[in-house]
Amino acid sequence: MNPLRSMSVASVLLGCLAACAHPAAAPAPAPEAATAEIRAVLDSTAAGWNRGDLSKYLWAYAESTTVMGRGGVEHGIEAIRQQMLAFFWKTGRPLQVLRYEHLSVRLLGPESALATGQYILSGNGLPDRTGWFTTVWAHTTAGWRMIHDHS
């Protein structure tokens, strides 16, 4: 057999093997770590809310976030800011304190997660306001950030 032809056949076979090989998958983040990090971000938003610091409440959202509003999907942090000012911060700060309960985080991939839970607004002699939420998170260079909020 011609040595040049043998090298060509070997090259083709190596190319086929390389094309069929599957690269090793990146290790998935530990669900416990993602849950703890997302919980810490949510707790910091509640702390900001309870101090009357709307910017600290909003820092957990990615710039490109979407949120379900009364009229459908709204885009960006400014939309959320306007919602908060119109419904919860009418006097310049919230009337009730915020906390989260029943948080559950499910990883959707190495860089995304779905979080569900309950928000509770209480205090100031007003009836508690509660609701369930679903948020979608992306792991960014700044850490976990919400990219969608359906509260």
N, C-alpha and C. Protein backbone atom coordinates (compact mmCIF):
# COMPACT_ATOMS: atom_id res chain seq x y z
N MET A 1 0.86 -1.18 0.00
CA MET A 1 0.00 0.00 0.00
C MET A 1 0.90 1.23 0.00
N ASN A 2 0.50 2.22 -0.67
CA ASN A 2 1.21 3.48 -0.79
C ASN A 2 1.27 4.17 0.56
N PRO A 3 2.48 4.57 1.10
CA PRO A 3 2.59 5.21 2.41
C PRO A 3 1.80 6.50 2.49
N LEU A 4 1.74 7.24 1.38
CA LEU A 4 0.99 8.50 1.39
C LEU A 4 -0.51 8.22 1.56
N ARG A 5 -0.97 7.16 0.89
CA ARG A 5 -2.38 6.79 0.99
C ARG A 5 -2.70 6.31 2.41
N SER A 6 -1.79 5.57 3.04
CA SER A 6 -1.99 5.09 4.41
C SER A 6 -2.11 6.26 5.38
N MET A 7 -1.29 7.30 5.17
CA MET A 7 -1.37 8.48 6.04
C MET A 7 -2.68 9.22 5.83
N SER A 8 -3.18 9.24 4.59
CA SER A 8 -4.45 9.90 4.30
C SER A 8 -5.60 9.18 4.98
N VAL A 9 -5.59 7.85 4.88
CA VAL A 9 -6.64 7.05 5.53
C VAL A 9 -6.58 7.24 7.04
N ALA A 10 -5.38 7.23 7.60
CA ALA A 10 -5.21 7.42 9.05
C ALA A 10 -5.70 8.81 9.46
N SER A 11 -5.41 9.82 8.66
CA SER A 11 -5.87 11.19 8.97
C SER A 11 -7.38 11.27 8.97
N VAL A 12 -8.01 10.64 7.98
CA VAL A 12 -9.47 10.64 7.90
C VAL A 12 -10.05 9.93 9.12
N LEU A 13 -9.49 8.79 9.50
CA LEU A 13 -9.99 8.06 10.66
C LEU A 13 -9.83 8.87 11.94
N LEU A 14 -8.69 9.52 12.10
CA LEU A 14 -8.49 10.36 13.29
C LEU A 14 -9.48 11.53 13.31
N GLY A 15 -9.74 12.11 12.15
CA GLY A 15 -10.71 13.20 12.05
C GLY A 15 -12.10 12.74 12.45
N CYS A 16 -12.47 11.53 11.99
CA CYS A 16 -13.79 10.99 12.35
C CYS A 16 -13.89 10.72 13.84
N LEU A 17 -12.84 10.17 14.41
CA LEU A 17 -12.84 9.91 15.84
C LEU A 17 -12.94 11.22 16.63
N ALA A 18 -12.23 12.23 16.21
CA ALA A 18 -12.27 13.52 16.90
C ALA A 18 -13.65 14.14 16.81
N ALA A 19 -14.30 14.00 15.65
CA ALA A 19 -15.63 14.58 15.47
C ALA A 19 -16.67 13.87 16.32
N CYS A 20 -16.46 12.59 16.55
CA CYS A 20 -17.41 11.80 17.34
C CYS A 20 -17.19 11.93 18.84
N ALA A 21 -16.02 12.37 19.23
CA ALA A 21 -15.71 12.47 20.66
C ALA A 21 -16.54 13.58 21.29
N HIS A 22 -16.98 13.35 22.51
CA HIS A 22 -17.74 14.35 23.25
C HIS A 22 -16.84 14.99 24.29
N PRO A 23 -16.75 16.33 24.29
CA PRO A 23 -15.93 16.96 25.31
C PRO A 23 -16.54 16.73 26.69
N ALA A 24 -15.72 16.71 27.68
CA ALA A 24 -16.22 16.53 29.06
C ALA A 24 -17.11 17.71 29.42
N ALA A 25 -18.24 17.42 30.03
CA ALA A 25 -19.16 18.47 30.44
C ALA A 25 -18.58 19.23 31.62
N ALA A 26 -18.85 20.52 31.63
CA ALA A 26 -18.41 21.33 32.77
C ALA A 26 -19.16 20.88 34.01
N PRO A 27 -18.49 20.84 35.14
CA PRO A 27 -19.19 20.40 36.35
C PRO A 27 -20.32 21.37 36.69
N ALA A 28 -21.45 20.80 37.01
CA ALA A 28 -22.60 21.61 37.38
C ALA A 28 -22.38 22.21 38.76
N PRO A 29 -22.83 23.46 38.97
CA PRO A 29 -22.68 24.04 40.30
C PRO A 29 -23.51 23.25 41.30
N ALA A 30 -23.03 23.21 42.51
CA ALA A 30 -23.76 22.50 43.56
C ALA A 30 -25.06 23.22 43.84
N PRO A 31 -26.16 22.49 43.83
CA PRO A 31 -27.45 23.15 44.10
C PRO A 31 -27.47 23.89 45.44
N GLU A 32 -26.80 23.33 46.43
CA GLU A 32 -26.79 23.98 47.75
C GLU A 32 -26.10 25.35 47.69
N ALA A 33 -25.01 25.43 46.93
CA ALA A 33 -24.28 26.70 46.81
C ALA A 33 -25.12 27.73 46.07
N ALA A 34 -25.75 27.32 44.97
CA ALA A 34 -26.60 28.25 44.21
C ALA A 34 -27.77 28.72 45.07
N THR A 35 -28.38 27.80 45.80
CA THR A 35 -29.49 28.17 46.67
C THR A 35 -29.04 29.18 47.72
N ALA A 36 -27.90 28.94 48.33
CA ALA A 36 -27.39 29.85 49.36
C ALA A 36 -27.07 31.22 48.77
N GLU A 37 -26.47 31.25 47.59
CA GLU A 37 -26.13 32.54 46.97
C GLU A 37 -27.38 33.31 46.57
N ILE A 38 -28.35 32.62 45.98
CA ILE A 38 -29.59 33.30 45.58
C ILE A 38 -30.35 33.75 46.81
N ARG A 39 -30.38 32.93 47.85
CA ARG A 39 -31.03 33.32 49.11
C ARG A 39 -30.38 34.58 49.68
N ALA A 40 -29.05 34.65 49.64
CA ALA A 40 -28.33 35.82 50.15
C ALA A 40 -28.69 37.08 49.34
N VAL A 41 -28.81 36.92 48.03
CA VAL A 41 -29.19 38.08 47.20
C VAL A 41 -30.60 38.52 47.56
N LEU A 42 -31.53 37.58 47.67
CA LEU A 42 -32.91 37.94 48.04
C LEU A 42 -32.96 38.59 49.42
N ASP A 43 -32.21 38.04 50.38
CA ASP A 43 -32.20 38.63 51.72
C ASP A 43 -31.67 40.06 51.68
N SER A 44 -30.68 40.32 50.81
CA SER A 44 -30.15 41.68 50.71
C SER A 44 -31.18 42.63 50.10
N THR A 45 -32.02 42.11 49.20
CA THR A 45 -33.06 42.98 48.64
C THR A 45 -34.10 43.32 49.72
N ALA A 46 -34.43 42.34 50.55
CA ALA A 46 -35.37 42.60 51.65
C ALA A 46 -34.77 43.61 52.63
N ALA A 47 -33.48 43.48 52.91
CA ALA A 47 -32.82 44.43 53.82
C ALA A 47 -32.86 45.84 53.24
N GLY A 48 -32.61 45.96 51.95
CA GLY A 48 -32.68 47.27 51.30
C GLY A 48 -34.10 47.83 51.36
N TRP A 49 -35.06 47.00 51.06
CA TRP A 49 -36.47 47.39 51.12
C TRP A 49 -36.80 47.91 52.51
N ASN A 50 -36.41 47.14 53.52
CA ASN A 50 -36.78 47.48 54.90
C ASN A 50 -36.07 48.73 55.41
N ARG A 51 -34.95 49.10 54.80
CA ARG A 51 -34.26 50.37 55.12
C ARG A 51 -34.79 51.53 54.29
N GLY A 52 -35.68 51.25 53.36
CA GLY A 52 -36.18 52.30 52.48
C GLY A 52 -35.21 52.63 51.36
N ASP A 53 -34.34 51.69 51.01
CA ASP A 53 -33.32 51.89 49.97
C ASP A 53 -33.74 51.13 48.71
N LEU A 54 -34.47 51.83 47.84
CA LEU A 54 -34.99 51.19 46.64
C LEU A 54 -33.87 50.70 45.72
N SER A 55 -32.77 51.44 45.65
CA SER A 55 -31.65 51.01 44.81
C SER A 55 -31.09 49.67 45.27
N LYS A 56 -31.00 49.46 46.57
CA LYS A 56 -30.50 48.19 47.10
C LYS A 56 -31.49 47.07 46.80
N TYR A 57 -32.77 47.37 46.83
CA TYR A 57 -33.77 46.38 46.46
C TYR A 57 -33.61 45.98 44.99
N LEU A 58 -33.35 46.96 44.14
CA LEU A 58 -33.29 46.72 42.70
C LEU A 58 -31.96 46.14 42.20
N TRP A 59 -30.91 46.19 43.01
CA TRP A 59 -29.58 45.77 42.54
C TRP A 59 -29.54 44.31 42.09
N ALA A 60 -30.46 43.49 42.56
CA ALA A 60 -30.45 42.06 42.23
C ALA A 60 -30.94 41.77 40.81
N TYR A 61 -31.48 42.77 40.15
CA TYR A 61 -32.00 42.57 38.80
C TYR A 61 -30.93 42.88 37.76
N ALA A 62 -30.86 42.05 36.71
CA ALA A 62 -30.00 42.34 35.57
C ALA A 62 -30.61 43.51 34.80
N GLU A 63 -29.78 44.28 34.12
CA GLU A 63 -30.27 45.41 33.33
C GLU A 63 -31.33 44.98 32.32
N SER A 64 -31.17 43.80 31.76
CA SER A 64 -32.08 43.33 30.71
C SER A 64 -33.29 42.58 31.26
N THR A 65 -33.55 42.71 32.54
CA THR A 65 -34.61 41.94 33.17
C THR A 65 -35.98 42.23 32.56
N THR A 66 -36.85 41.26 32.71
CA THR A 66 -38.26 41.45 32.38
C THR A 66 -39.07 41.13 33.63
N VAL A 67 -40.23 41.74 33.71
CA VAL A 67 -41.09 41.54 34.87
C VAL A 67 -42.53 41.53 34.38
N MET A 68 -43.33 40.71 35.04
CA MET A 68 -44.75 40.68 34.70
C MET A 68 -45.44 41.82 35.44
N GLY A 69 -45.97 42.75 34.69
CA GLY A 69 -46.71 43.87 35.26
C GLY A 69 -48.21 43.64 35.11
N ARG A 70 -48.97 44.59 35.54
CA ARG A 70 -50.44 44.45 35.43
C ARG A 70 -50.89 44.36 33.98
N GLY A 71 -50.14 44.97 33.08
CA GLY A 71 -50.51 44.95 31.67
C GLY A 71 -49.72 43.97 30.82
N GLY A 72 -48.93 43.10 31.46
CA GLY A 72 -48.13 42.14 30.71
C GLY A 72 -46.65 42.32 31.00
N VAL A 73 -45.82 41.90 30.07
CA VAL A 73 -44.38 41.93 30.26
C VAL A 73 -43.86 43.36 30.15
N GLU A 74 -43.03 43.74 31.12
CA GLU A 74 -42.35 45.03 31.09
C GLU A 74 -40.85 44.77 31.10
N HIS A 75 -40.09 45.70 30.53
CA HIS A 75 -38.66 45.48 30.32
C HIS A 75 -37.82 46.47 31.11
N GLY A 76 -36.78 45.96 31.77
CA GLY A 76 -35.77 46.79 32.39
C GLY A 76 -36.05 47.15 33.85
N ILE A 77 -34.97 47.55 34.49
CA ILE A 77 -35.04 47.91 35.91
C ILE A 77 -35.92 49.14 36.13
N GLU A 78 -35.91 50.06 35.20
CA GLU A 78 -36.72 51.27 35.36
C GLU A 78 -38.21 50.93 35.44
N ALA A 79 -38.65 49.93 34.70
CA ALA A 79 -40.05 49.48 34.78
C ALA A 79 -40.37 48.96 36.18
N ILE A 80 -39.43 48.23 36.77
CA ILE A 80 -39.64 47.72 38.12
C ILE A 80 -39.66 48.88 39.11
N ARG A 81 -38.74 49.82 38.94
CA ARG A 81 -38.70 51.00 39.82
C ARG A 81 -40.05 51.73 39.79
N GLN A 82 -40.59 51.93 38.60
CA GLN A 82 -41.87 52.63 38.48
C GLN A 82 -43.01 51.84 39.13
N GLN A 83 -42.99 50.52 38.99
CA GLN A 83 -44.00 49.68 39.66
C GLN A 83 -43.91 49.85 41.17
N MET A 84 -42.70 49.79 41.70
CA MET A 84 -42.50 49.91 43.15
C MET A 84 -42.98 51.28 43.65
N LEU A 85 -42.62 52.33 42.93
CA LEU A 85 -43.02 53.67 43.35
C LEU A 85 -44.53 53.85 43.29
N ALA A 86 -45.18 53.26 42.30
CA ALA A 86 -46.62 53.43 42.13
C ALA A 86 -47.43 52.62 43.15
N PHE A 87 -46.92 51.45 43.54
CA PHE A 87 -47.76 50.57 44.36
C PHE A 87 -47.28 50.36 45.79
N PHE A 88 -45.99 50.47 46.04
CA PHE A 88 -45.48 50.14 47.37
C PHE A 88 -44.74 51.29 48.04
N TRP A 89 -44.23 52.24 47.28
CA TRP A 89 -43.39 53.31 47.82
C TRP A 89 -44.07 54.67 47.61
N LYS A 90 -45.36 54.74 47.71
CA LYS A 90 -46.10 55.98 47.42
C LYS A 90 -45.65 57.14 48.30
N THR A 91 -45.18 56.84 49.50
CA THR A 91 -44.76 57.91 50.42
C THR A 91 -43.24 58.13 50.39
N GLY A 92 -42.55 57.49 49.44
CA GLY A 92 -41.10 57.61 49.36
C GLY A 92 -40.36 56.46 50.01
N ARG A 93 -41.08 55.63 50.71
CA ARG A 93 -40.52 54.41 51.29
C ARG A 93 -41.67 53.42 51.51
N PRO A 94 -41.38 52.14 51.61
CA PRO A 94 -42.46 51.16 51.77
C PRO A 94 -43.11 51.29 53.15
N LEU A 95 -44.40 51.00 53.19
CA LEU A 95 -45.14 51.08 54.45
C LEU A 95 -44.97 49.83 55.30
N GLN A 96 -44.56 48.72 54.67
CA GLN A 96 -44.44 47.46 55.40
C GLN A 96 -43.07 46.84 55.17
N VAL A 97 -42.68 45.94 56.06
CA VAL A 97 -41.41 45.25 55.93
C VAL A 97 -41.60 44.00 55.06
N LEU A 98 -40.52 43.62 54.39
CA LEU A 98 -40.54 42.51 53.44
C LEU A 98 -39.70 41.36 53.96
N ARG A 99 -40.22 40.16 53.76
CA ARG A 99 -39.43 38.95 54.00
C ARG A 99 -39.87 37.90 52.98
N TYR A 100 -38.98 36.92 52.79
CA TYR A 100 -39.26 35.82 51.86
C TYR A 100 -39.31 34.52 52.64
N GLU A 101 -40.23 33.65 52.25
CA GLU A 101 -40.34 32.32 52.86
C GLU A 101 -40.54 31.28 51.77
N HIS A 102 -40.37 30.04 52.14
CA HIS A 102 -40.61 28.90 51.25
C HIS A 102 -39.78 28.96 49.96
N LEU A 103 -38.55 29.44 50.06
CA LEU A 103 -37.71 29.56 48.88
C LEU A 103 -37.25 28.19 48.40
N SER A 104 -37.40 27.98 47.12
CA SER A 104 -36.91 26.76 46.47
C SER A 104 -36.17 27.18 45.21
N VAL A 105 -34.96 26.66 45.04
CA VAL A 105 -34.13 26.98 43.88
C VAL A 105 -33.86 25.71 43.11
N ARG A 106 -34.09 25.77 41.81
CA ARG A 106 -33.81 24.63 40.93
C ARG A 106 -32.87 25.10 39.82
N LEU A 107 -31.72 24.46 39.73
CA LEU A 107 -30.78 24.81 38.66
C LEU A 107 -31.34 24.33 37.33
N LEU A 108 -31.27 25.21 36.33
CA LEU A 108 -31.71 24.87 34.98
C LEU A 108 -30.52 24.54 34.09
N GLY A 109 -29.34 24.85 34.58
CA GLY A 109 -28.09 24.63 33.86
C GLY A 109 -26.99 25.23 34.71
N PRO A 110 -25.76 25.23 34.21
CA PRO A 110 -24.66 25.73 35.03
C PRO A 110 -24.71 27.24 35.29
N GLU A 111 -25.46 27.97 34.48
CA GLU A 111 -25.49 29.42 34.63
C GLU A 111 -26.90 29.97 34.82
N SER A 112 -27.88 29.12 35.09
CA SER A 112 -29.25 29.61 35.24
C SER A 112 -30.00 28.81 36.29
N ALA A 113 -30.97 29.48 36.89
CA ALA A 113 -31.76 28.85 37.95
C ALA A 113 -33.17 29.42 37.96
N LEU A 114 -34.06 28.66 38.52
CA LEU A 114 -35.44 29.07 38.73
C LEU A 114 -35.67 29.08 40.23
N ALA A 115 -36.17 30.19 40.75
CA ALA A 115 -36.45 30.28 42.19
C ALA A 115 -37.93 30.58 42.38
N THR A 116 -38.53 29.87 43.32
CA THR A 116 -39.92 30.13 43.68
C THR A 116 -39.99 30.34 45.18
N GLY A 117 -41.00 31.05 45.61
CA GLY A 117 -41.17 31.28 47.03
C GLY A 117 -42.35 32.20 47.29
N GLN A 118 -42.40 32.66 48.52
CA GLN A 118 -43.48 33.55 48.94
C GLN A 118 -42.87 34.82 49.50
N TYR A 119 -43.44 35.96 49.08
CA TYR A 119 -43.05 37.22 49.69
C TYR A 119 -44.13 37.61 50.69
N ILE A 120 -43.71 38.23 51.77
CA ILE A 120 -44.65 38.66 52.80
C ILE A 120 -44.32 40.09 53.19
N LEU A 121 -45.30 40.96 53.07
CA LEU A 121 -45.19 42.34 53.53
C LEU A 121 -46.05 42.44 54.79
N SER A 122 -45.45 42.91 55.88
CA SER A 122 -46.19 42.95 57.14
C SER A 122 -45.81 44.18 57.95
N GLY A 123 -46.64 44.46 58.95
CA GLY A 123 -46.34 45.54 59.90
C GLY A 123 -47.08 46.82 59.62
N ASN A 124 -46.78 47.83 60.45
CA ASN A 124 -47.34 49.17 60.34
C ASN A 124 -48.86 49.19 60.54
N GLY A 125 -49.36 48.20 61.27
CA GLY A 125 -50.80 48.16 61.55
C GLY A 125 -51.65 47.82 60.34
N LEU A 126 -51.03 47.37 59.27
CA LEU A 126 -51.76 47.01 58.06
C LEU A 126 -51.87 45.50 57.94
N PRO A 127 -52.89 45.02 57.23
CA PRO A 127 -52.97 43.57 57.01
C PRO A 127 -51.77 43.10 56.19
N ASP A 128 -51.31 41.89 56.47
CA ASP A 128 -50.22 41.33 55.68
C ASP A 128 -50.63 41.22 54.22
N ARG A 129 -49.67 41.49 53.34
CA ARG A 129 -49.84 41.27 51.91
C ARG A 129 -48.87 40.16 51.54
N THR A 130 -49.39 39.11 50.95
CA THR A 130 -48.53 37.98 50.59
C THR A 130 -48.79 37.58 49.15
N GLY A 131 -47.82 36.94 48.58
CA GLY A 131 -47.97 36.41 47.23
C GLY A 131 -46.84 35.46 46.92
N TRP A 132 -47.03 34.71 45.89
CA TRP A 132 -46.02 33.73 45.46
C TRP A 132 -45.28 34.32 44.27
N PHE A 133 -44.03 33.96 44.15
CA PHE A 133 -43.23 34.48 43.05
C PHE A 133 -42.46 33.36 42.37
N THR A 134 -42.15 33.61 41.12
CA THR A 134 -41.24 32.80 40.33
C THR A 134 -40.24 33.76 39.72
N THR A 135 -38.96 33.50 39.91
CA THR A 135 -37.92 34.32 39.32
C THR A 135 -36.95 33.43 38.56
N VAL A 136 -36.43 33.95 37.47
CA VAL A 136 -35.42 33.26 36.68
C VAL A 136 -34.11 34.01 36.90
N TRP A 137 -33.05 33.27 37.15
CA TRP A 137 -31.75 33.85 37.51
C TRP A 137 -30.68 33.44 36.52
N ALA A 138 -29.72 34.34 36.31
CA ALA A 138 -28.53 34.04 35.50
C ALA A 138 -27.31 34.29 36.36
N HIS A 139 -26.33 33.42 36.24
CA HIS A 139 -25.08 33.62 36.97
C HIS A 139 -24.18 34.49 36.10
N THR A 140 -23.93 35.71 36.53
CA THR A 140 -23.16 36.69 35.77
C THR A 140 -21.82 36.92 36.45
N THR A 141 -21.00 37.77 35.85
CA THR A 141 -19.73 38.11 36.48
C THR A 141 -19.95 38.83 37.80
N ALA A 142 -21.12 39.44 37.98
CA ALA A 142 -21.46 40.12 39.23
C ALA A 142 -22.13 39.19 40.23
N GLY A 143 -22.31 37.92 39.86
CA GLY A 143 -23.01 36.97 40.73
C GLY A 143 -24.38 36.64 40.15
N TRP A 144 -25.22 36.03 40.96
CA TRP A 144 -26.57 35.67 40.52
C TRP A 144 -27.43 36.92 40.42
N ARG A 145 -28.11 37.09 39.27
CA ARG A 145 -28.99 38.24 39.06
C ARG A 145 -30.30 37.74 38.43
N MET A 146 -31.40 38.40 38.82
CA MET A 146 -32.70 38.05 38.26
C MET A 146 -32.82 38.58 36.84
N ILE A 147 -33.25 37.70 35.93
CA ILE A 147 -33.49 38.12 34.57
C ILE A 147 -34.98 38.13 34.24
N HIS A 148 -35.79 37.54 35.13
CA HIS A 148 -37.25 37.61 34.97
C HIS A 148 -37.89 37.44 36.35
N ASP A 149 -38.93 38.22 36.58
CA ASP A 149 -39.66 38.19 37.85
C ASP A 149 -41.16 38.13 37.57
N HIS A 150 -41.80 37.11 38.08
CA HIS A 150 -43.25 37.01 38.00
C HIS A 150 -43.77 36.91 39.42
N SER A 151 -44.09 38.08 39.98
CA SER A 151 -44.55 38.15 41.37
C SER A 151 -46.02 38.48 41.43
